[in-house]
Amino acid sequence: MPRTAARVSAASLVALASSALAQPSFRGLGDLSGGAFESNAWRVSDDGAAIVGTASIGSGSIAQRITAIDGMARLGRLAGLDGGSDATAVSATGRVVVGQSWLGADSEAFLWTADSGMIGLGDLAGGPHASQAYGVSPDGSVVVGVADFVNQWPVITGQAFRWTASGGMQGLGFAEAHHDYSSASAASADGGVITGISFKNLSDGEAFIWTEATGMVGLGDISGGPDTYSLGSDITPDGTVIVGCCSPADGYEAFRWTQATGMIPLGDLPGNDHYSYASGVSADGNVIVGAGDWDGGLGGARAFIWDADHGMRNLQSVLENDYGLDLTGWTLLYAQDVSADGLTIVGQGINPNGDLEAWVASLKQAPCPADFNGDGVVNTIDVLGFLNAWVSGC
């Protein structure tokens, strides 16, 4: 790769390899050369090794994938749709990337691998040529998103889709008979459970769960809010936990849903506007990340991290106060995704130069050397284990 191909510092590459160092870290991920300085990280692979999103170049935005080996690499654009591209999701191993490429009002979902490059996934029949991929199953076999199937402008229409190599792009329908728009955001490990949103002309919407057996089933909303609105943004690999945004009485809030509990609002960060949304969840459903409205207005969002023990907390404060990291000059706006183990978080913020930049935070800790048997507890068993090893000459 030419040295001028990407403005990614050596420190950024070290951050991506932080799992090997097992130390908490935070780094900006840089930008591609050309155009204004701007990058965003949408998703991270389950192991935290690959990050996907978009970056600015001279001719607009382009999909990118970041790894410790390749740095920030351009994924290209589809032929005939070279106005821009965006990488929105990545498989568990980081080898499959999906997103969309566009030119003007036309767009098409794509799937990218290192072997095949960027391949267009087509569109649903009817309406303009428009499809966008927003999620991919962890095994990389199922792509989900939205495609336009009928031209009713100015009414905005679209239908959630599920794509496989063998079956192509199939529409998933709507949660309610009167809805005219649905969009799929994420899928379970094998693509058998899907979540997203279904609504009527940008209103009266609700999060959904889809399976082949049940079709699309609405998850409802929290009563008493300003309108009927909920959105499913991410799902655990086993399909049992969905996170997103709902509208209780106070405004809009992130939620966590399970079949047993239903939709549980997660609160908001302190500030003027009551607004938060969850965008990513760990594999066990116990760590959730997203953004809350700190003080309203442009740039007013603040990234959050949530768990059952601590509730919703300002992520930047957690990184600085709990992990001792130096984020001087940074403002973390959005936490977009979290790795399967809940320890690698990616998003976008305002860097010390005032530019919008993708970032990655690792919460991984090196094990305590005194924990000889690695059970997470330091006690006399560790001492005895060490002495036994010493006596045996091991």
Protein backbone atom coordinates (compact mmCIF):
# COMPACT_ATOMS: atom_id res chain seq x y z
CA MET A 1 0.00 0.00 0.00
CA PRO A 2 1.41 3.45 -0.86
CA ARG A 3 2.34 5.51 2.13
CA THR A 4 -0.18 8.18 1.12
CA ALA A 5 -3.09 5.74 0.78
CA ALA A 6 -4.46 6.38 4.24
CA ARG A 7 -3.92 8.87 7.03
CA VAL A 8 -3.77 6.21 9.73
CA SER A 9 -1.19 6.59 12.47
CA ALA A 10 0.94 3.77 13.79
CA ALA A 11 -0.83 4.27 17.11
CA SER A 12 -4.14 3.46 15.43
CA LEU A 13 -2.78 0.14 14.22
CA VAL A 14 -1.49 -0.60 17.68
CA ALA A 15 -5.00 0.06 19.01
CA LEU A 16 -6.46 -2.51 16.64
CA ALA A 17 -3.96 -5.04 17.93
CA SER A 18 -4.73 -4.16 21.55
CA SER A 19 -6.16 -7.62 22.17
CA ALA A 20 -2.61 -8.93 21.94
CA LEU A 21 -1.42 -6.35 24.48
CA ALA A 22 -4.53 -6.82 26.63
CA GLN A 23 -4.42 -3.26 27.93
CA PRO A 24 -7.23 -0.67 27.88
CA SER A 25 -6.73 1.77 25.01
CA PHE A 26 -8.40 4.46 22.91
CA ARG A 27 -7.35 5.67 19.48
CA GLY A 28 -8.72 7.68 16.60
CA LEU A 29 -8.75 5.67 13.38
CA GLY A 30 -7.73 8.41 10.97
CA ASP A 31 -9.09 9.09 7.49
CA LEU A 32 -8.35 8.36 3.86
CA SER A 33 -6.36 10.86 1.82
CA GLY A 34 -8.24 13.37 -0.32
CA GLY A 35 -11.30 15.43 0.52
CA ALA A 36 -12.29 16.74 3.93
CA PHE A 37 -11.14 14.90 7.02
CA GLU A 38 -14.10 12.72 8.06
CA SER A 39 -14.54 9.05 8.94
CA ASN A 40 -17.08 6.90 10.73
CA ALA A 41 -17.03 3.38 12.19
CA TRP A 42 -20.38 1.58 11.97
CA ARG A 43 -19.62 -1.97 13.04
CA VAL A 44 -16.89 -4.16 14.51
CA SER A 45 -16.35 -7.89 14.00
CA ASP A 46 -17.14 -10.24 16.88
CA ASP A 47 -13.44 -10.63 17.72
CA GLY A 48 -12.81 -6.87 17.51
CA ALA A 49 -10.19 -7.29 14.78
CA ALA A 50 -12.02 -5.67 11.85
CA ILE A 51 -13.91 -2.37 11.76
CA VAL A 52 -16.04 -1.12 8.86
CA GLY A 53 -17.53 2.24 7.97
CA THR A 54 -16.93 5.13 5.64
CA ALA A 55 -14.30 7.77 5.03
CA SER A 56 -14.05 10.93 2.96
CA ILE A 57 -12.01 11.13 -0.25
CA GLY A 58 -11.83 13.72 -3.00
CA SER A 59 -14.81 12.29 -4.88
CA GLY A 60 -17.06 11.82 -1.85
CA SER A 61 -17.39 9.01 0.68
CA ILE A 62 -16.14 5.46 0.23
CA ALA A 63 -16.60 2.22 2.13
CA GLN A 64 -13.63 1.22 4.25
CA ARG A 65 -12.43 -1.70 6.35
CA ILE A 66 -9.78 -1.32 9.05
CA THR A 67 -7.52 -4.09 10.35
CA ALA A 68 -4.15 -4.10 12.09
CA ILE A 69 -2.50 -5.55 8.98
CA ASP A 70 -4.12 -3.48 6.22
CA GLY A 71 -4.88 -0.27 8.07
CA MET A 72 -7.79 1.70 6.60
CA ALA A 73 -8.43 0.11 3.20
CA ARG A 74 -10.83 1.31 0.51
CA LEU A 75 -13.38 -1.29 -0.58
CA GLY A 76 -14.38 0.52 -3.77
CA ARG A 77 -17.73 1.19 -5.42
CA LEU A 78 -20.04 -0.76 -7.71
CA ALA A 79 -19.69 -0.14 -11.44
CA GLY A 80 -22.19 2.48 -12.58
CA LEU A 81 -22.90 3.49 -8.96
CA ASP A 82 -19.68 5.32 -8.26
CA GLY A 83 -21.08 8.38 -6.54
CA GLY A 84 -20.24 6.97 -3.11
CA SER A 85 -20.27 3.86 -0.96
CA ASP A 86 -20.62 2.92 2.69
CA ALA A 87 -19.76 -0.26 4.63
CA THR A 88 -22.45 -0.80 7.26
CA ALA A 89 -21.88 -4.30 8.69
CA VAL A 90 -19.27 -7.04 9.01
CA SER A 91 -19.33 -10.78 9.74
CA ALA A 92 -17.99 -12.34 12.93
CA THR A 93 -14.55 -13.01 11.47
CA GLY A 94 -14.37 -9.71 9.57
CA ARG A 95 -14.09 -11.45 6.19
CA VAL A 96 -17.52 -10.47 4.83
CA VAL A 97 -18.53 -6.80 4.58
CA VAL A 98 -21.86 -5.42 3.37
CA GLY A 99 -23.18 -1.95 2.60
CA GLN A 100 -24.34 0.08 -0.37
CA SER A 101 -23.00 1.96 -3.36
CA TRP A 102 -24.92 4.79 -5.00
CA LEU A 103 -25.08 7.42 -7.70
CA GLY A 104 -27.74 10.09 -7.34
CA ALA A 105 -31.05 8.46 -6.36
CA ASP A 106 -29.96 4.98 -7.49
CA SER A 107 -28.31 2.61 -5.03
CA GLU A 108 -27.54 -1.07 -4.61
CA ALA A 109 -26.62 -3.27 -1.69
CA PHE A 110 -23.25 -4.98 -1.93
CA LEU A 111 -21.31 -7.85 -0.40
CA TRP A 112 -17.51 -7.68 -0.26
CA THR A 113 -14.84 -10.28 0.42
CA ALA A 114 -11.11 -10.10 -0.24
CA ASP A 115 -11.44 -12.89 -2.82
CA SER A 116 -14.46 -11.62 -4.77
CA GLY A 117 -14.26 -7.89 -4.21
CA MET A 118 -17.53 -5.91 -4.21
CA ILE A 119 -20.57 -7.72 -5.66
CA GLY A 120 -23.97 -6.11 -6.16
CA LEU A 121 -26.94 -7.90 -4.59
CA GLY A 122 -29.62 -6.49 -6.87
CA ASP A 123 -32.99 -5.03 -5.91
CA LEU A 124 -36.60 -6.02 -5.35
CA ALA A 125 -38.79 -5.89 -8.45
CA GLY A 126 -40.74 -2.66 -9.01
CA GLY A 127 -39.99 0.95 -8.19
CA PRO A 128 -36.63 2.72 -8.60
CA HIS A 129 -33.31 0.90 -8.45
CA ALA A 130 -32.62 1.29 -4.75
CA SER A 131 -31.39 -1.18 -2.12
CA GLN A 132 -29.22 -0.81 0.95
CA ALA A 133 -27.66 -3.51 3.14
CA TYR A 134 -27.58 -2.73 6.86
CA GLY A 135 -26.73 -6.07 8.46
CA VAL A 136 -25.05 -9.42 7.86
CA SER A 137 -25.33 -12.61 9.91
CA PRO A 138 -22.20 -13.44 11.92
CA ASP A 139 -21.53 -16.42 9.64
CA GLY A 140 -21.66 -14.11 6.60
CA SER A 141 -24.31 -16.10 4.74
CA VAL A 142 -27.35 -13.81 5.16
CA VAL A 143 -27.56 -10.11 4.29
CA VAL A 144 -30.45 -7.90 5.43
CA GLY A 145 -31.53 -4.38 4.60
CA VAL A 146 -34.16 -2.47 2.64
CA ALA A 147 -35.08 -2.22 -1.06
CA ASP A 148 -37.63 -0.07 -2.87
CA PHE A 149 -40.34 -2.17 -4.51
CA VAL A 150 -42.86 0.41 -5.73
CA ASN A 151 -42.66 4.03 -6.93
CA GLN A 152 -45.12 6.15 -4.92
CA TRP A 153 -43.13 9.37 -4.52
CA PRO A 154 -43.47 11.54 -2.45
CA VAL A 155 -44.55 8.68 -0.19
CA ILE A 156 -41.34 6.97 0.96
CA THR A 157 -41.63 3.24 0.38
CA GLY A 158 -39.34 0.31 0.96
CA GLN A 159 -39.42 -3.29 2.14
CA ALA A 160 -37.06 -5.17 4.40
CA PHE A 161 -35.16 -7.90 2.61
CA ARG A 162 -33.21 -11.06 3.39
CA TRP A 163 -30.56 -12.12 0.85
CA THR A 164 -28.73 -15.43 0.49
CA ALA A 165 -26.50 -16.69 -2.31
CA SER A 166 -28.95 -19.46 -3.13
CA GLY A 167 -32.23 -17.57 -2.80
CA GLY A 168 -31.27 -14.05 -3.81
CA MET A 169 -33.16 -11.06 -2.38
CA GLN A 170 -36.52 -11.84 -0.77
CA GLY A 171 -38.92 -9.25 0.69
CA LEU A 172 -39.95 -9.79 4.32
CA GLY A 173 -43.22 -7.85 4.26
CA PHE A 174 -44.52 -5.58 7.01
CA ALA A 175 -45.47 -5.85 10.68
CA GLU A 176 -48.94 -4.33 10.10
CA ALA A 177 -51.22 -4.44 7.06
CA HIS A 178 -51.35 -0.64 6.73
CA HIS A 179 -47.57 -0.17 6.86
CA ASP A 180 -45.80 0.82 3.64
CA TYR A 181 -42.14 0.77 4.74
CA SER A 182 -39.95 -1.74 6.53
CA SER A 183 -36.21 -2.03 6.92
CA ALA A 184 -34.05 -4.82 8.41
CA SER A 185 -31.10 -3.81 10.60
CA ALA A 186 -29.48 -6.98 11.94
CA ALA A 187 -29.63 -10.77 11.90
CA SER A 188 -28.85 -13.64 14.27
CA ALA A 189 -25.90 -16.00 13.82
CA ASP A 190 -27.45 -18.05 11.00
CA GLY A 191 -29.75 -15.31 9.72
CA GLY A 192 -32.83 -17.07 11.03
CA VAL A 193 -33.95 -14.19 13.27
CA ILE A 194 -34.02 -10.60 11.99
CA THR A 195 -34.91 -7.23 13.51
CA GLY A 196 -35.59 -3.74 12.18
CA ILE A 197 -38.51 -1.33 11.82
CA SER A 198 -41.90 -1.31 10.06
CA PHE A 199 -44.01 1.86 9.74
CA LYS A 200 -46.50 3.97 7.80
CA ASN A 201 -44.96 6.89 5.85
CA LEU A 202 -42.33 7.76 8.48
CA SER A 203 -44.77 7.51 11.40
CA ASP A 204 -46.70 4.90 13.39
CA GLY A 205 -43.70 2.60 13.40
CA GLU A 206 -42.54 -0.30 15.52
CA ALA A 207 -39.57 -2.57 15.93
CA PHE A 208 -40.06 -6.10 14.63
CA ILE A 209 -38.74 -9.61 14.96
CA TRP A 210 -38.85 -11.88 11.89
CA THR A 211 -38.46 -15.63 11.58
CA GLU A 212 -39.41 -17.87 8.69
CA ALA A 213 -42.01 -19.58 10.86
CA THR A 214 -43.76 -16.44 12.14
CA GLY A 215 -43.00 -13.86 9.49
CA MET A 216 -42.67 -10.26 10.67
CA VAL A 217 -44.10 -9.63 14.14
CA GLY A 218 -44.22 -6.13 15.65
CA LEU A 219 -42.73 -5.60 19.10
CA GLY A 220 -44.94 -2.62 19.90
CA ASP A 221 -43.80 0.42 21.86
CA ILE A 222 -43.83 1.84 25.37
CA SER A 223 -47.17 3.53 26.07
CA GLY A 224 -47.52 7.23 26.84
CA GLY A 225 -44.88 8.60 24.50
CA PRO A 226 -45.01 11.47 22.00
CA ASP A 227 -45.86 9.02 19.20
CA THR A 228 -45.88 5.33 18.37
CA TYR A 229 -42.31 4.60 17.48
CA SER A 230 -39.76 1.89 18.14
CA LEU A 231 -36.80 0.60 16.13
CA GLY A 232 -34.75 -2.59 16.42
CA SER A 233 -31.11 -1.84 15.61
CA ASP A 234 -29.14 -4.92 16.75
CA ILE A 235 -29.70 -8.50 17.88
CA THR A 236 -27.64 -11.10 19.74
CA PRO A 237 -26.30 -14.12 17.81
CA ASP A 238 -28.87 -16.43 19.43
CA GLY A 239 -31.70 -14.05 18.49
CA THR A 240 -33.00 -13.66 22.05
CA VAL A 241 -32.06 -10.02 22.82
CA ILE A 242 -32.92 -7.03 20.64
CA VAL A 243 -31.86 -3.44 21.31
CA GLY A 244 -32.92 -0.18 19.74
CA CYS A 245 -35.01 2.92 20.44
CA CYS A 246 -38.57 3.39 21.76
CA SER A 247 -40.75 6.35 22.79
CA PRO A 248 -41.94 6.33 26.41
CA ALA A 249 -43.64 9.30 28.06
CA ASP A 250 -40.50 11.39 28.56
CA GLY A 251 -39.23 11.28 24.96
CA TYR A 252 -37.17 8.69 23.14
CA GLU A 253 -35.10 6.03 24.89
CA ALA A 254 -32.84 3.12 24.16
CA PHE A 255 -34.44 -0.23 24.92
CA ARG A 256 -33.54 -3.86 25.58
CA TRP A 257 -36.09 -6.52 24.55
CA THR A 258 -36.43 -10.22 25.34
CA GLN A 259 -39.41 -12.51 24.96
CA ALA A 260 -39.65 -12.80 28.74
CA THR A 261 -39.33 -9.11 29.69
CA GLY A 262 -40.72 -7.34 26.65
CA MET A 263 -39.39 -3.87 25.83
CA ILE A 264 -37.50 -2.27 28.73
CA PRO A 265 -36.42 1.41 28.39
CA LEU A 266 -32.81 2.02 29.47
CA GLY A 267 -33.00 5.72 30.38
CA ASP A 268 -30.95 8.65 29.07
CA LEU A 269 -27.83 10.62 29.88
CA PRO A 270 -28.35 13.83 31.88
CA GLY A 271 -28.90 16.89 29.69
CA ASN A 272 -31.54 18.98 27.98
CA ASP A 273 -33.31 16.65 25.56
CA HIS A 274 -34.61 13.26 26.62
CA TYR A 275 -33.24 11.12 23.82
CA SER A 276 -31.16 7.96 23.58
CA TYR A 277 -30.86 5.02 21.24
CA ALA A 278 -29.03 1.71 21.45
CA SER A 279 -27.06 0.68 18.38
CA GLY A 280 -24.98 -2.34 19.47
CA VAL A 281 -25.16 -5.26 21.90
CA SER A 282 -22.67 -7.88 23.08
CA ALA A 283 -23.21 -11.57 22.33
CA ASP A 284 -24.64 -12.29 25.79
CA GLY A 285 -26.93 -9.23 25.68
CA ASN A 286 -25.39 -7.72 28.80
CA VAL A 287 -23.39 -4.81 27.33
CA ILE A 288 -25.19 -2.24 25.20
CA VAL A 289 -23.77 0.87 23.51
CA GLY A 290 -25.33 3.82 21.76
CA ALA A 291 -25.80 7.57 22.10
CA GLY A 292 -27.75 9.85 24.40
CA ASP A 293 -28.56 13.52 23.95
CA TRP A 294 -26.28 15.48 26.26
CA ASP A 295 -27.25 19.07 25.53
CA GLY A 296 -29.25 19.06 22.29
CA GLY A 297 -28.33 20.58 18.95
CA LEU A 298 -25.68 19.62 16.41
CA GLY A 299 -22.87 17.70 18.09
CA GLY A 300 -24.87 17.40 21.29
CA ALA A 301 -24.98 13.59 21.39
CA ARG A 302 -22.75 11.63 23.77
CA ALA A 303 -21.75 7.98 23.49
CA PHE A 304 -23.02 5.69 26.25
CA ILE A 305 -22.33 2.23 27.62
CA TRP A 306 -24.98 0.29 29.53
CA ASP A 307 -24.95 -2.81 31.73
CA ALA A 308 -27.36 -4.07 34.36
CA ASP A 309 -25.04 -3.25 37.29
CA HIS A 310 -24.28 0.36 36.34
CA GLY A 311 -27.14 1.41 34.08
CA MET A 312 -26.46 3.97 31.36
CA ARG A 313 -23.17 5.85 31.68
CA ASN A 314 -21.29 8.39 29.62
CA LEU A 315 -18.70 6.26 27.80
CA GLN A 316 -16.06 8.97 27.69
CA SER A 317 -16.28 9.42 31.46
CA VAL A 318 -15.98 5.65 31.95
CA LEU A 319 -12.89 5.47 29.74
CA GLU A 320 -11.24 8.38 31.52
CA ASN A 321 -12.24 7.69 35.12
CA ASP A 322 -12.48 3.89 35.29
CA TYR A 323 -9.75 2.96 32.82
CA GLY A 324 -7.43 5.95 33.18
CA LEU A 325 -7.34 6.73 29.45
CA ASP A 326 -6.38 10.16 28.11
CA LEU A 327 -9.09 11.54 25.79
CA THR A 328 -7.97 15.17 25.97
CA GLY A 329 -9.58 17.18 23.16
CA TRP A 330 -11.97 14.40 22.14
CA THR A 331 -15.78 14.41 22.32
CA LEU A 332 -17.29 10.94 21.83
CA LEU A 333 -20.59 11.49 20.02
CA TYR A 334 -21.75 8.01 19.01
CA ALA A 335 -20.90 4.49 20.14
CA GLN A 336 -22.05 2.48 17.12
CA ASP A 337 -21.13 -1.11 17.98
CA VAL A 338 -19.51 -3.43 20.50
CA SER A 339 -17.68 -6.71 20.00
CA ALA A 340 -19.10 -10.08 21.05
CA ASP A 341 -17.24 -10.03 24.39
CA GLY A 342 -18.34 -6.46 25.14
CA LEU A 343 -14.76 -5.19 25.34
CA THR A 344 -14.17 -3.43 22.00
CA ILE A 345 -16.34 -0.42 21.13
CA VAL A 346 -16.31 1.65 17.94
CA GLY A 347 -17.97 4.90 16.96
CA GLN A 348 -17.52 8.48 15.85
CA GLY A 349 -16.46 11.61 17.69
CA ILE A 350 -14.98 15.06 17.33
CA ASN A 351 -11.20 14.83 17.49
CA PRO A 352 -8.85 17.43 19.00
CA ASN A 353 -8.67 19.20 15.60
CA GLY A 354 -12.44 19.61 15.44
CA ASP A 355 -12.92 16.93 12.75
CA LEU A 356 -15.37 14.02 12.77
CA GLU A 357 -13.28 10.87 13.18
CA ALA A 358 -13.91 7.17 13.73
CA TRP A 359 -12.50 5.74 16.95
CA VAL A 360 -12.00 2.43 18.75
CA ALA A 361 -11.83 1.78 22.48
CA SER A 362 -10.60 -1.45 24.04
CA LEU A 363 -11.52 -2.33 27.62
CA LYS A 364 -9.40 -5.48 27.71
CA GLN A 365 -7.28 -5.91 30.81
CA ALA A 366 -4.12 -7.96 31.19
CA PRO A 367 -4.62 -10.84 33.66
CA CYS A 368 -3.12 -10.42 37.09
CA PRO A 369 0.24 -12.26 37.18
CA ALA A 370 -0.57 -13.53 40.67
CA ASP A 371 -3.69 -15.32 39.35
CA PHE A 372 -1.64 -18.43 38.59
CA ASN A 373 -4.53 -20.70 37.65
CA GLY A 374 -6.42 -18.00 35.73
CA ASP A 375 -9.72 -18.35 37.61
CA GLY A 376 -10.07 -14.61 38.20
CA VAL A 377 -9.38 -14.90 41.95
CA VAL A 378 -6.04 -14.47 43.74
CA ASN A 379 -5.83 -16.77 46.77
CA THR A 380 -3.79 -19.58 48.36
CA ILE A 381 -4.73 -21.95 45.54
CA ASP A 382 -2.58 -19.82 43.22
CA VAL A 383 0.33 -20.05 45.69
CA LEU A 384 0.00 -23.83 45.94
CA GLY A 385 -0.27 -24.13 42.17
CA PHE A 386 2.92 -22.16 41.70
CA LEU A 387 4.77 -24.18 44.38
CA ASN A 388 3.66 -27.47 42.85
CA ALA A 389 4.88 -26.31 39.45
CA TRP A 390 8.16 -25.20 41.00
CA VAL A 391 8.73 -28.53 42.78
CA SER A 392 7.92 -30.51 39.65
CA GLY A 393 10.39 -28.42 37.69
CA CYS A 394 7.70 -27.24 35.27
